[in-house]
Protein backbone atom coordinates (compact mmCIF):
# COMPACT_ATOMS: atom_id res chain seq x y z
CA MET A 1 268.82 52.46 139.04
CA ILE A 2 265.89 53.89 140.98
CA SER A 3 267.56 57.26 141.38
CA SER A 4 268.44 57.28 137.69
CA LYS A 5 264.83 56.67 136.69
CA ALA A 6 263.64 59.30 139.12
CA GLY A 7 266.06 61.78 137.63
CA ALA A 8 264.83 60.98 134.12
CA ALA A 9 261.22 61.29 135.17
CA ASN A 10 261.87 64.65 136.79
CA SER A 11 263.79 66.11 133.84
CA GLN A 12 262.36 69.38 132.61
CA HIS A 13 262.28 70.56 129.01
CA VAL A 14 261.56 74.28 128.84
CA PHE A 15 260.04 75.74 125.68
CA ILE A 16 262.39 78.12 123.86
CA PHE A 17 261.18 80.87 121.55
CA HIS A 18 263.60 82.07 118.84
CA GLY A 19 261.46 84.75 117.20
CA LYS A 20 263.07 88.11 116.44
CA ALA A 21 261.49 91.54 116.21
CA TRP A 22 262.80 92.58 112.77
CA PRO A 23 261.65 89.52 110.75
CA PHE A 24 258.29 89.62 112.51
CA PHE A 25 258.04 93.36 111.79
CA ILE A 26 258.48 92.65 108.06
CA ILE A 27 255.76 89.99 108.21
CA CYS A 28 253.37 92.35 110.02
CA LEU A 29 254.12 95.19 107.59
CA VAL A 30 253.54 93.03 104.50
CA ASN A 31 250.38 91.59 106.04
CA LEU A 32 249.03 95.07 106.77
CA VAL A 33 249.80 96.45 103.30
CA LEU A 34 248.36 93.45 101.44
CA THR A 35 245.27 93.34 103.65
CA ILE A 36 244.59 97.03 102.93
CA ILE A 37 245.13 96.91 99.17
CA THR A 38 243.03 93.73 98.85
CA PHE A 39 240.23 95.22 100.99
CA GLY A 40 240.63 92.50 103.62
CA ILE A 41 240.76 89.49 101.30
CA TYR A 42 244.38 88.80 102.30
CA LEU A 43 243.49 88.67 106.03
CA PRO A 44 243.33 84.83 106.24
CA TRP A 45 246.82 84.52 104.75
CA ALA A 46 248.06 87.23 107.09
CA PHE A 47 246.79 85.23 110.05
CA VAL A 48 248.42 82.03 108.78
CA LYS A 49 251.79 83.69 108.14
CA THR A 50 251.81 85.26 111.59
CA ARG A 51 250.97 82.01 113.36
CA ARG A 52 253.37 80.00 111.18
CA TYR A 53 256.26 82.29 112.13
CA ILE A 54 255.47 81.92 115.83
CA TYR A 55 255.13 78.14 115.60
CA LYS A 56 258.31 77.55 113.63
CA ASN A 57 260.27 79.59 116.16
CA MET A 58 258.92 77.65 119.16
CA GLU A 59 261.30 74.87 120.21
CA LEU A 60 260.89 71.91 122.54
CA ASN A 61 263.78 69.54 123.21
CA GLY A 62 265.66 70.74 120.13
CA VAL A 63 262.69 70.38 117.77
CA ARG A 64 260.48 73.16 116.42
CA PHE A 65 256.76 73.16 115.71
CA ASN A 66 255.22 73.39 112.25
CA TYR A 67 251.90 74.89 111.20
CA HIS A 68 250.37 73.76 107.91
CA ALA A 69 247.00 75.50 107.77
CA THR A 70 246.28 77.55 104.65
CA GLY A 71 244.79 80.99 104.19
CA GLY A 72 242.56 79.61 101.44
CA ALA A 73 240.89 77.23 103.88
CA PHE A 74 240.02 80.11 106.21
CA LEU A 75 238.82 82.35 103.37
CA VAL A 76 236.52 79.64 101.96
CA SER A 77 235.16 78.98 105.44
CA TRP A 78 234.42 82.64 106.17
CA LEU A 79 232.90 83.27 102.73
CA LEU A 80 230.64 80.22 102.85
CA VAL A 81 229.43 80.96 106.39
CA GLY A 82 228.73 84.59 105.46
CA LEU A 83 227.02 83.66 102.19
CA ILE A 84 224.82 80.98 103.78
CA PHE A 85 223.85 83.33 106.60
CA ILE A 86 222.92 86.15 104.20
CA VAL A 87 220.91 83.86 101.89
CA LEU A 88 219.02 82.30 104.81
CA THR A 89 218.29 85.74 106.26
CA VAL A 90 216.92 87.03 102.94
CA VAL A 91 214.80 83.90 102.42
CA CYS A 92 213.40 83.92 105.96
CA GLU A 93 212.58 87.63 105.90
CA SER A 94 210.93 87.30 102.49
CA ILE A 95 208.55 84.75 104.01
CA ASN A 96 207.91 86.78 107.16
CA LEU A 97 209.90 89.50 108.88
CA LEU A 98 209.38 87.68 112.17
CA PHE A 99 211.45 84.79 110.79
CA GLY A 100 214.52 87.00 110.47
CA PHE A 101 215.88 85.70 113.76
CA LEU A 102 215.96 82.06 112.55
CA PRO A 103 219.38 82.23 110.81
CA VAL A 104 220.88 83.78 113.96
CA LEU A 105 219.32 81.02 116.07
CA LEU A 106 220.58 78.35 113.67
CA LEU A 107 224.10 79.79 113.72
CA TRP A 108 224.01 79.97 117.52
CA VAL A 109 222.99 76.30 117.76
CA LEU A 110 225.53 75.09 115.19
CA MET A 111 228.42 77.23 116.47
CA PRO A 112 229.59 74.69 119.12
CA LEU A 113 229.88 71.97 116.47
CA MET A 114 231.67 74.36 114.10
CA MET A 115 234.08 75.38 116.84
CA ALA A 116 234.86 71.72 117.58
CA LYS A 117 235.53 71.08 113.89
CA GLY A 118 237.68 74.21 113.79
CA LEU A 119 239.69 73.01 116.79
CA ARG A 120 240.24 69.66 115.08
CA TYR A 121 241.49 71.35 111.91
CA GLN A 122 243.83 73.64 113.86
CA ALA A 123 245.20 70.70 115.86
CA MET A 124 245.80 68.47 112.84
CA MET A 125 247.57 71.29 111.02
CA THR A 126 250.08 71.53 113.89
CA ARG A 127 253.06 69.17 113.95
CA LEU A 128 256.05 68.41 116.13
CA ASN A 129 258.65 65.89 114.96
CA ASN A 130 256.35 65.20 111.97
CA VAL A 131 253.66 64.00 114.37
CA ARG A 132 250.28 65.71 114.22
CA PHE A 133 248.19 66.87 117.12
CA GLY A 134 244.52 65.99 117.13
CA PHE A 135 241.17 66.79 118.68
CA LYS A 136 238.07 64.63 118.57
CA CYS A 137 235.02 65.04 120.76
CA GLY A 138 231.52 63.64 120.80
CA ILE A 139 228.62 65.83 119.67
CA GLY A 140 226.79 65.52 122.98
CA ASN A 141 229.83 66.61 125.00
CA VAL A 142 230.47 69.59 122.73
CA MET A 143 226.85 70.77 122.75
CA TRP A 144 226.55 70.47 126.53
CA THR A 145 229.85 72.22 127.31
CA MET A 146 229.58 75.03 124.78
CA LEU A 147 225.82 75.57 124.64
CA GLY A 148 223.71 73.71 127.18
CA LEU A 149 225.73 74.43 130.31
CA PRO A 150 226.22 78.20 129.64
CA LEU A 151 222.50 78.55 128.87
CA LEU A 152 221.51 76.71 132.05
CA LEU A 153 223.93 78.73 134.20
CA GLY A 154 222.68 82.00 132.67
CA ILE A 155 219.08 81.11 133.47
CA ALA A 156 220.08 80.15 137.03
CA VAL A 157 221.86 83.49 137.58
CA ILE A 158 218.86 85.48 136.33
CA PHE A 159 216.50 83.47 138.54
CA VAL A 160 218.68 83.95 141.65
CA LEU A 161 219.02 87.71 141.13
CA TYR A 162 215.29 88.05 140.47
CA ALA A 163 214.41 86.00 143.56
CA VAL A 164 216.74 88.01 145.82
CA ASN A 165 215.36 91.28 144.47
CA ARG A 166 211.78 90.15 145.15
CA MET A 167 212.71 89.01 148.65
CA MET A 168 214.25 92.39 149.47
CA GLY A 169 211.13 94.16 148.27
CA ILE A 170 210.75 97.82 147.32
CA PRO A 171 213.20 100.06 149.22
CA GLU A 172 211.59 102.62 151.51
CA SER A 173 214.40 105.18 151.31
CA THR A 174 217.29 106.28 149.15
CA ASN A 175 219.79 104.60 151.46
CA GLY A 176 217.72 101.43 151.33
CA GLY A 177 217.73 101.56 147.55
CA LEU A 178 221.49 102.03 147.46
CA LEU A 179 221.96 99.12 149.87
CA GLN A 180 219.75 96.89 147.75
CA LEU A 181 221.62 97.91 144.63
CA ALA A 182 224.94 97.15 146.32
CA VAL A 183 223.75 93.72 147.46
CA LEU A 184 222.53 92.85 143.96
CA ALA A 185 225.81 94.12 142.46
CA VAL A 186 227.95 91.98 144.77
CA LEU A 187 225.68 88.98 144.22
CA GLY A 188 225.92 89.58 140.48
CA LEU A 189 229.71 89.64 140.60
CA LEU A 190 229.79 86.42 142.61
CA SER A 191 227.32 84.79 140.21
CA VAL A 192 229.38 85.76 137.18
CA GLY A 193 232.53 84.48 138.91
CA ILE A 194 230.92 81.14 139.73
CA THR A 195 229.47 80.83 136.23
CA ASN A 196 232.80 81.63 134.55
CA GLY A 197 234.65 79.25 136.85
CA ILE A 198 232.36 76.35 136.01
CA MET A 199 232.41 77.08 132.27
CA TYR A 200 236.20 77.53 132.09
CA GLY A 201 236.71 74.34 134.11
CA LYS A 202 234.45 72.39 131.77
CA TRP A 203 236.21 73.93 128.77
CA MET A 204 239.56 72.78 130.16
CA GLN A 205 238.21 69.27 130.62
CA LEU A 206 236.80 69.28 127.09
CA LEU A 207 240.05 70.38 125.47
CA GLY A 208 242.44 68.45 127.68
CA SER A 209 240.62 65.12 127.60
CA ASN A 210 239.85 65.04 123.86
CA ALA A 211 243.21 66.13 122.44
CA CYS A 212 246.05 63.88 121.38
CA PHE A 213 249.60 63.93 120.05
CA GLY A 214 249.89 61.23 117.44
CA ILE A 215 248.75 58.00 119.07
CA HIS A 216 249.12 59.40 122.58
CA PRO A 217 246.02 60.92 124.21
CA PHE A 218 246.16 63.88 126.55
CA ARG A 219 244.52 63.64 129.96
CA ILE A 220 243.70 66.40 132.37
CA ASP A 221 242.92 66.76 136.07
CA ILE A 222 241.06 70.00 136.79
CA SER A 223 239.50 71.26 140.01
CA LEU A 224 236.25 73.11 139.29
CA LYS A 225 236.42 74.53 142.81
CA ARG A 226 239.80 76.08 142.07
CA CYS A 227 238.52 77.52 138.78
CA ILE A 228 235.56 79.09 140.59
CA VAL A 229 237.85 80.62 143.24
CA ILE A 230 240.06 82.08 140.50
CA CYS A 231 237.12 83.61 138.63
CA ILE A 232 235.51 85.03 141.78
CA SER A 233 238.86 86.55 142.80
CA ALA A 234 239.13 88.10 139.33
CA MET A 235 235.65 89.60 139.61
CA LEU A 236 236.45 91.02 143.06
CA ILE A 237 239.25 93.04 141.45
CA LEU A 238 236.48 95.16 139.93
CA VAL A 239 234.98 96.08 143.32
CA PRO A 240 237.37 98.88 144.45
CA PHE A 241 237.39 100.35 140.94
CA THR A 242 233.60 100.25 140.84
CA ILE A 243 233.37 102.08 144.18
CA VAL A 244 235.76 104.83 143.04
CA ILE A 245 233.99 105.18 139.68
CA GLY A 246 230.65 105.36 141.48
CA LYS A 247 231.87 108.19 143.73
CA LEU A 248 233.32 110.06 140.76
CA MET A 249 230.18 109.74 138.62
CA ALA A 250 227.55 110.19 141.36
CA PRO A 251 227.45 114.03 141.07
CA PHE A 252 227.08 113.73 137.29
CA TYR A 253 224.09 111.40 137.52
CA ILE A 254 222.52 113.40 140.35
CA THR A 255 222.73 116.58 138.25
CA LEU A 256 221.42 114.75 135.20
CA SER A 257 218.49 113.30 137.16
CA ALA A 258 217.65 116.72 138.61
CA GLU A 259 217.50 118.26 135.15
CA ILE A 260 215.29 115.45 133.86
CA ALA A 261 212.98 115.84 136.89
CA LYS A 262 212.42 119.47 135.95
CA GLY A 263 210.52 118.34 132.90
CA GLY A 264 213.00 117.09 130.39
CA MET A 265 216.35 118.19 129.09
CA ASP A 266 217.33 119.43 125.66
CA PRO A 267 220.63 118.41 124.01
CA ALA A 268 222.28 121.75 124.85
CA ILE A 269 221.80 121.28 128.60
CA SER A 270 222.87 117.62 128.34
CA ASP A 271 226.09 118.63 126.58
CA ALA A 272 226.72 121.33 129.16
CA VAL A 273 226.35 118.87 132.06
CA ALA A 274 228.64 116.37 130.32
CA GLN A 275 231.20 119.11 129.67
CA GLU A 276 231.11 120.17 133.32
CA TYR A 277 231.91 116.64 134.50
CA LEU A 278 234.21 115.72 131.59
CA PRO A 279 237.33 115.17 133.79
CA GLN A 280 235.42 112.74 136.02
CA ILE A 281 234.06 110.91 132.97
CA ILE A 282 237.54 110.55 131.45
CA VAL A 283 239.06 109.32 134.72
CA SER A 284 236.19 106.84 135.12
CA TYR A 285 236.80 105.38 131.66
CA ILE A 286 240.53 105.07 132.42
CA LEU A 287 239.80 103.33 135.72
CA TYR A 288 237.34 101.01 134.01
CA PHE A 289 239.94 100.07 131.38
CA MET A 290 242.53 99.47 134.10
CA ALA A 291 240.12 97.24 136.03
CA ILE A 292 239.34 95.13 132.95
CA VAL A 293 243.05 94.76 132.13
CA LEU A 294 243.96 93.72 135.70
CA MET A 295 241.05 91.29 135.90
CA SER A 296 241.89 89.74 132.53
CA ILE A 297 245.59 89.37 133.32
CA PHE A 298 244.91 87.80 136.71
CA SER A 299 242.50 85.33 135.08
CA LYS A 300 244.94 84.58 132.26
CA ALA A 301 247.85 83.78 134.58
CA ALA A 302 245.87 81.73 137.09
CA LEU A 303 243.72 79.82 134.58
CA ARG A 304 246.65 79.06 132.29
CA ASN A 305 248.64 77.67 135.21
CA GLN A 306 245.61 75.63 136.23
CA PHE A 307 245.16 74.21 132.73
CA ILE A 308 248.80 73.49 131.88
CA ASN A 309 249.63 72.04 135.31
CA GLY A 310 246.73 69.62 135.02
CA LEU A 311 247.73 68.21 131.63
CA ARG A 312 249.21 64.75 131.11
CA LEU A 313 250.50 63.12 127.93
CA GLY A 314 250.89 59.38 127.73
CA ASP A 315 251.95 57.61 130.88
CA SER A 316 254.87 59.76 132.04
CA LEU A 317 254.82 63.31 130.69
CA THR A 318 253.38 66.21 132.65
CA PHE A 319 253.37 69.95 132.00
CA ARG A 320 254.15 72.96 134.12
CA SER A 321 253.28 76.64 133.81
CA THR A 322 254.84 79.21 136.14
CA LEU A 323 253.23 82.47 135.05
CA THR A 324 252.88 85.12 137.75
CA PHE A 325 250.36 87.94 137.89
CA VAL A 326 253.06 90.62 138.18
CA GLY A 327 255.23 89.10 135.45
CA LEU A 328 252.35 88.77 132.99
CA LEU A 329 251.12 92.25 133.93
CA MET A 330 254.47 93.77 133.00
CA GLN A 331 254.47 91.94 129.66
CA ILE A 332 250.93 93.00 128.75
CA LEU A 333 251.52 96.62 129.82
CA VAL A 334 254.65 96.81 127.67
CA LEU A 335 252.71 95.27 124.77
CA ILE A 336 249.82 97.74 125.10
CA LEU A 337 251.84 100.88 125.82
CA ALA A 338 254.53 100.16 123.21
CA THR A 339 251.89 99.54 120.57
CA ILE A 340 249.88 102.67 121.41
CA CYS A 341 252.82 105.04 121.87
CA THR A 342 254.51 104.00 118.61
CA VAL A 343 251.27 103.68 116.59
CA GLY A 344 251.91 99.96 116.21
CA LEU A 345 255.56 100.15 115.14
CA ALA A 346 256.84 98.53 118.35
CA TYR A 347 254.18 95.82 118.37
CA PRO A 348 256.41 93.16 116.74
CA TRP A 349 259.14 93.71 119.35
CA ALA A 350 256.65 93.62 122.24
CA LYS A 351 254.92 90.53 120.81
CA MET A 352 258.20 88.62 120.50
CA ARG A 353 259.09 89.64 124.04
CA TYR A 354 255.72 88.39 125.25
CA MET A 355 256.10 85.04 123.45
CA ARG A 356 259.56 84.51 124.98
CA TYR A 357 258.06 85.11 128.42
CA LEU A 358 255.30 82.54 127.84
CA ALA A 359 257.77 79.98 126.49
CA SER A 360 260.29 80.41 129.31
CA ASN A 361 257.55 79.81 131.88
CA THR A 362 256.26 76.61 130.27
CA CYS A 363 257.93 73.22 130.38
CA VAL A 364 257.38 69.50 129.92
CA VAL A 365 258.40 67.27 132.82
CA GLY A 366 259.51 63.76 131.95
CA GLU A 367 261.67 61.93 129.44
CA LEU A 368 260.62 63.08 125.98
CA ASP A 369 263.04 60.72 124.23
CA ASP A 370 261.06 57.76 125.57
CA LEU A 371 257.84 58.94 123.90
CA GLU A 372 257.03 56.89 120.82
CA LEU A 373 256.77 59.22 117.81
CA SER A 374 253.94 57.58 115.92
CA ASP A 375 251.51 59.69 113.95
CA THR A 376 247.81 58.96 113.97
CA ASP A 377 246.32 57.43 110.84
CA GLU A 378 243.25 59.66 111.04
CA LEU A 379 242.60 61.96 108.10
CA ASN A 380 241.37 65.52 108.36
CA ASP A 381 237.63 65.94 107.90
CA THR A 382 236.65 66.77 104.32
CA GLY A 383 232.86 67.07 104.46
CA PHE A 384 231.03 70.31 103.66
CA PHE A 385 230.33 71.06 107.33
CA ALA A 386 234.02 70.53 108.16
CA ILE A 387 235.08 72.87 105.35
CA ILE A 388 232.87 75.74 106.49
CA SER A 389 234.03 75.19 110.08
CA ARG A 390 237.78 75.47 109.49
CA GLY A 391 237.74 79.22 109.98
CA MET A 392 236.07 78.98 113.41
CA MET A 393 239.08 79.70 115.63
CA VAL A 394 238.33 79.37 119.32
CA ALA A 395 239.94 81.91 121.65
CA THR A 396 240.53 80.58 125.18
CA PRO A 397 241.87 82.71 128.04
CA PHE A 398 243.79 79.83 129.58
CA ILE A 399 246.21 78.80 126.82
């Protein structure tokens, strides 16, 4: 009996993706044509159709997901937000030009609440076995995680960099200046890594501890220390690329500075200097793009594993993600290169390939048949603020 229960508890249910390139190509083609001829008005419906196809082809334990959001809800949300912002800007600037920043400030303050409402709408529009997902979070938690904490961390980073720069003083030589610049650059990278790690960890806790599936709440166990290590490691990927780019571009900036020191530089001389170092500039941009891609992919794989592996549903279900850096790198490179080389024609094939990879490396551990399939009796929010927030779709690098 004990071994039987242990076997049931350890059973794994891998996600299976059934999407095919050709049907998805037709959807993408129709979406593109209709979006162009309607001057972008069809874009919300294009987004819904794309997501709906992906959801309905994602299977777990023999059952597929459903997505019931509507393009009209997104369009109304986007139009109302844009209209309110424009009207407030016109009114504020008509009173005093200095007040023109107030609508931006208001939007910045309200955005966390709108994003939370948008997450709730997205969750409740997603079903599995006719049971809705859900998301509900307190205002204080949302404002602190999405606004207060990032602001506080940003101020702390600026203060630390300023304090270190003052402590090091004014460099007495060129080498001293370069050393000081290098120290500040490394400290900046570490600060950004620490800041991102804390924010991503808090984001994971916010999403994982306030979501539910029907009557069953999700729980999550996240190590902020591990998130910080992941983000610092991702930032360190930039270091060798930065050094190479610096060596490539140093002659360009030295020449440019010498010309400026002579008493200014007209556009003709500036263009000539840029043309002389054009190969180095092109290579530097390529290296920069490669560094960003590698850093993003490393973060995606590690943070997604961290988030999924920490999730719990009910009393017995856990989740597992087994993405690898190399595996995800190959998928993303194929997606990027296939899309660029075929002017987008191969994007549907590469996208379906990418979704199959994500699904095959994600599973639920436990006995799904023992989970009570009871939907929540909560209704979707219908207030004005909820309506204008439905189009606020949060992008997270760890899901």
